[in-house]
Amino acid sequence: MRRQAQELKATVQVGKKGVTEETVRETAEQIEKRGLVKVRFNNDGAGMDAFVSSLSGKGEVVMKTGRTLVFRKKR
């Protein structure tokens, strides 16, 4: 699992605007489709905890490195 997560390219980018409803919705959709999704925060990572809690029903964090999170679909 960890190897797969490291080799993934970030498919969701959180930019200057921070975490938005659109970002959460897009990430949730990708978790459903792909099963494993990498999210990169371009800012200082502000709002990362809120982002994780907003997706707790869809997926779980399997890896956190700096400003990058990897989510896996909940089983």
Protein backbone atom coordinates (compact mmCIF):
# COMPACT_ATOMS: atom_id res chain seq x y z
CA MET A 1 0.00 0.00 0.00
CA ARG A 2 2.73 2.46 0.95
CA ARG A 3 4.61 1.83 -2.27
CA GLN A 4 1.47 2.43 -4.33
CA ALA A 5 0.84 5.66 -2.43
CA GLN A 6 4.37 6.93 -3.01
CA GLU A 7 4.21 6.25 -6.74
CA LEU A 8 0.86 8.03 -7.19
CA LYS A 9 0.78 11.48 -8.72
CA ALA A 10 -1.30 14.09 -6.94
CA THR A 11 -4.70 14.29 -8.62
CA VAL A 12 -6.12 16.96 -6.30
CA GLN A 13 -4.36 20.26 -5.59
CA VAL A 14 -5.42 22.61 -2.82
CA GLY A 15 -4.28 26.11 -3.79
CA LYS A 16 -4.38 29.67 -2.53
CA LYS A 17 -8.10 29.56 -1.80
CA GLY A 18 -7.55 26.68 0.59
CA VAL A 19 -10.11 23.95 1.18
CA THR A 20 -13.38 24.63 -0.63
CA GLU A 21 -16.59 22.65 -1.03
CA GLU A 22 -15.56 21.90 -4.61
CA THR A 23 -12.22 20.47 -3.46
CA VAL A 24 -13.93 18.23 -0.92
CA ARG A 25 -16.54 17.07 -3.45
CA GLU A 26 -13.91 16.32 -6.13
CA THR A 27 -11.75 14.40 -3.69
CA ALA A 28 -14.72 12.34 -2.46
CA GLU A 29 -15.64 11.47 -6.06
CA GLN A 30 -12.09 10.41 -6.85
CA ILE A 31 -11.89 8.26 -3.72
CA GLU A 32 -15.05 6.46 -4.85
CA LYS A 33 -13.73 5.94 -8.41
CA ARG A 34 -10.05 5.24 -7.83
CA GLY A 35 -9.85 3.91 -4.30
CA LEU A 36 -6.52 5.66 -3.67
CA VAL A 37 -6.08 9.44 -4.08
CA LYS A 38 -3.15 11.75 -3.44
CA VAL A 39 -3.86 15.36 -2.41
CA ARG A 40 -1.20 18.07 -2.38
CA PHE A 41 -1.56 21.34 -0.48
CA ASN A 42 0.26 24.17 -2.29
CA ASN A 43 -0.06 26.56 0.64
CA ASP A 44 1.31 25.99 4.13
CA GLY A 45 -1.09 23.11 4.73
CA ALA A 46 -3.64 25.27 6.54
CA GLY A 47 -6.99 23.53 6.79
CA MET A 48 -5.51 20.07 6.37
CA ASP A 49 -7.17 18.73 9.56
CA ALA A 50 -10.57 20.15 8.57
CA PHE A 51 -10.16 18.60 5.12
CA VAL A 52 -9.43 15.17 6.61
CA SER A 53 -12.43 15.35 8.95
CA SER A 54 -14.75 16.43 6.11
CA LEU A 55 -13.79 13.27 4.18
CA SER A 56 -13.91 10.88 7.13
CA GLY A 57 -17.12 9.28 5.82
CA LYS A 58 -15.62 8.48 2.40
CA GLY A 59 -11.99 7.65 3.03
CA GLU A 60 -9.18 7.38 5.51
CA VAL A 61 -5.68 8.82 5.47
CA VAL A 62 -3.08 6.14 4.83
CA MET A 63 -0.08 8.43 4.43
CA LYS A 64 0.80 11.99 5.41
CA THR A 65 4.07 13.53 4.32
CA GLY A 66 4.57 17.25 4.71
CA ARG A 67 1.81 18.93 2.68
CA THR A 68 0.70 15.73 0.96
CA LEU A 69 -2.08 13.35 2.00
CA VAL A 70 -3.05 9.98 0.55
CA PHE A 71 -6.60 8.74 1.07
CA ARG A 72 -7.91 5.20 0.71
CA LYS A 73 -11.55 4.29 0.24
CA LYS A 74 -13.14 3.08 3.47
CA ARG A 75 -13.78 -0.61 3.54
